[in-house]
């Protein structure tokens, strides 16, 4: 496996591939069932792509009855020099 070039940004996450996601749509089995999405991450990074409010709303508005979701903050911009 080739190593990353010096200064290249690496990520343990795969980039979002909308073309792959668009290949299949889930059947809505119980549209009346209330669903709380266990968690989501909002991200906008060159190495993984964009998943912000418009993308979240598109996913949660797909026909399932998602009534709430839990935002899970990623460890972004965390610096030991900055107070938390």
Protein backbone atom coordinates (compact mmCIF):
# COMPACT_ATOMS: atom_id res chain seq x y z
CA UNK A 1 0.00 0.00 0.00
CA UNK A 2 1.50 3.38 -0.95
CA UNK A 3 2.24 5.74 1.88
CA UNK A 4 0.68 9.18 2.07
CA UNK A 5 2.73 12.03 0.73
CA UNK A 6 4.25 14.37 3.33
CA UNK A 7 1.69 16.89 4.52
CA UNK A 8 -1.24 14.89 3.09
CA UNK A 9 -4.38 14.74 5.19
CA UNK A 10 -5.40 11.22 6.12
CA UNK A 11 -8.59 9.98 7.69
CA UNK A 12 -9.85 6.68 9.10
CA UNK A 13 -13.21 7.45 7.44
CA UNK A 14 -14.15 6.74 3.85
CA UNK A 15 -15.41 9.63 1.74
CA UNK A 16 -19.16 9.84 1.11
CA UNK A 17 -20.05 8.45 -2.32
CA UNK A 18 -23.46 9.79 -3.26
CA UNK A 19 -23.46 7.75 -6.49
CA UNK A 20 -23.19 4.56 -4.41
CA UNK A 21 -25.86 5.70 -1.93
CA UNK A 22 -28.25 6.51 -4.80
CA UNK A 23 -28.11 2.91 -6.08
CA UNK A 24 -30.66 1.64 -3.55
CA UNK A 25 -33.61 3.03 -1.63
CA UNK A 26 -35.02 1.33 1.47
CA UNK A 27 -38.63 0.30 1.49
CA UNK A 28 -40.55 2.15 4.21
CA UNK A 29 -42.02 -0.81 6.12
CA UNK A 30 -43.70 0.98 9.03
CA UNK A 31 -44.16 4.66 8.13
CA UNK A 32 -46.11 5.31 11.36
CA UNK A 33 -43.28 3.99 13.58
CA UNK A 34 -41.59 6.84 15.48
CA UNK A 35 -37.80 6.66 15.12
CA UNK A 36 -35.06 8.38 17.08
CA UNK A 37 -31.86 8.21 15.05
CA UNK A 38 -29.20 7.04 17.54
CA UNK A 39 -26.62 9.60 16.43
CA UNK A 40 -25.18 11.53 13.55
CA UNK A 41 -22.03 13.47 12.82
CA UNK A 42 -21.85 16.74 10.91
CA UNK A 43 -18.65 17.06 8.94
CA UNK A 44 -17.18 19.10 6.12
CA UNK A 45 -13.65 17.92 5.41
CA UNK A 46 -11.69 17.50 2.18
CA UNK A 47 -10.71 13.93 3.05
CA UNK A 48 -14.23 12.67 3.88
CA UNK A 49 -16.61 15.03 2.15
CA UNK A 50 -19.55 17.03 3.35
CA UNK A 51 -22.42 15.92 5.59
CA UNK A 52 -24.13 18.96 7.07
CA UNK A 53 -27.73 19.97 7.78
CA UNK A 54 -28.94 19.78 4.14
CA UNK A 55 -27.61 16.21 3.81
CA UNK A 56 -29.04 15.22 7.21
CA UNK A 57 -32.45 16.63 6.29
CA UNK A 58 -32.39 14.76 2.97
CA UNK A 59 -31.64 11.50 4.80
CA UNK A 60 -34.17 12.00 7.59
CA UNK A 61 -36.85 13.15 5.15
CA UNK A 62 -36.68 9.99 3.05
CA UNK A 63 -40.01 8.57 4.27
CA UNK A 64 -39.09 7.07 7.63
CA UNK A 65 -40.80 8.81 10.56
CA UNK A 66 -37.65 10.18 12.20
CA UNK A 67 -38.78 12.44 15.03
CA UNK A 68 -35.40 13.18 16.63
CA UNK A 69 -31.70 12.57 16.24
CA UNK A 70 -28.74 12.86 18.58
CA UNK A 71 -25.77 14.94 17.45
CA UNK A 72 -22.42 13.44 18.37
CA UNK A 73 -19.60 15.97 18.19
CA UNK A 74 -16.38 14.72 16.71
CA UNK A 75 -13.03 15.56 18.25
CA UNK A 76 -12.39 18.38 15.82
CA UNK A 77 -10.28 21.39 16.64
CA UNK A 78 -9.45 19.98 20.04
CA UNK A 79 -6.22 21.46 21.26
CA UNK A 80 -4.50 20.72 24.57
CA UNK A 81 -3.53 24.40 24.67
CA UNK A 82 -7.14 25.55 24.58
CA UNK A 83 -9.35 25.42 27.71
CA UNK A 84 -12.34 23.07 27.44
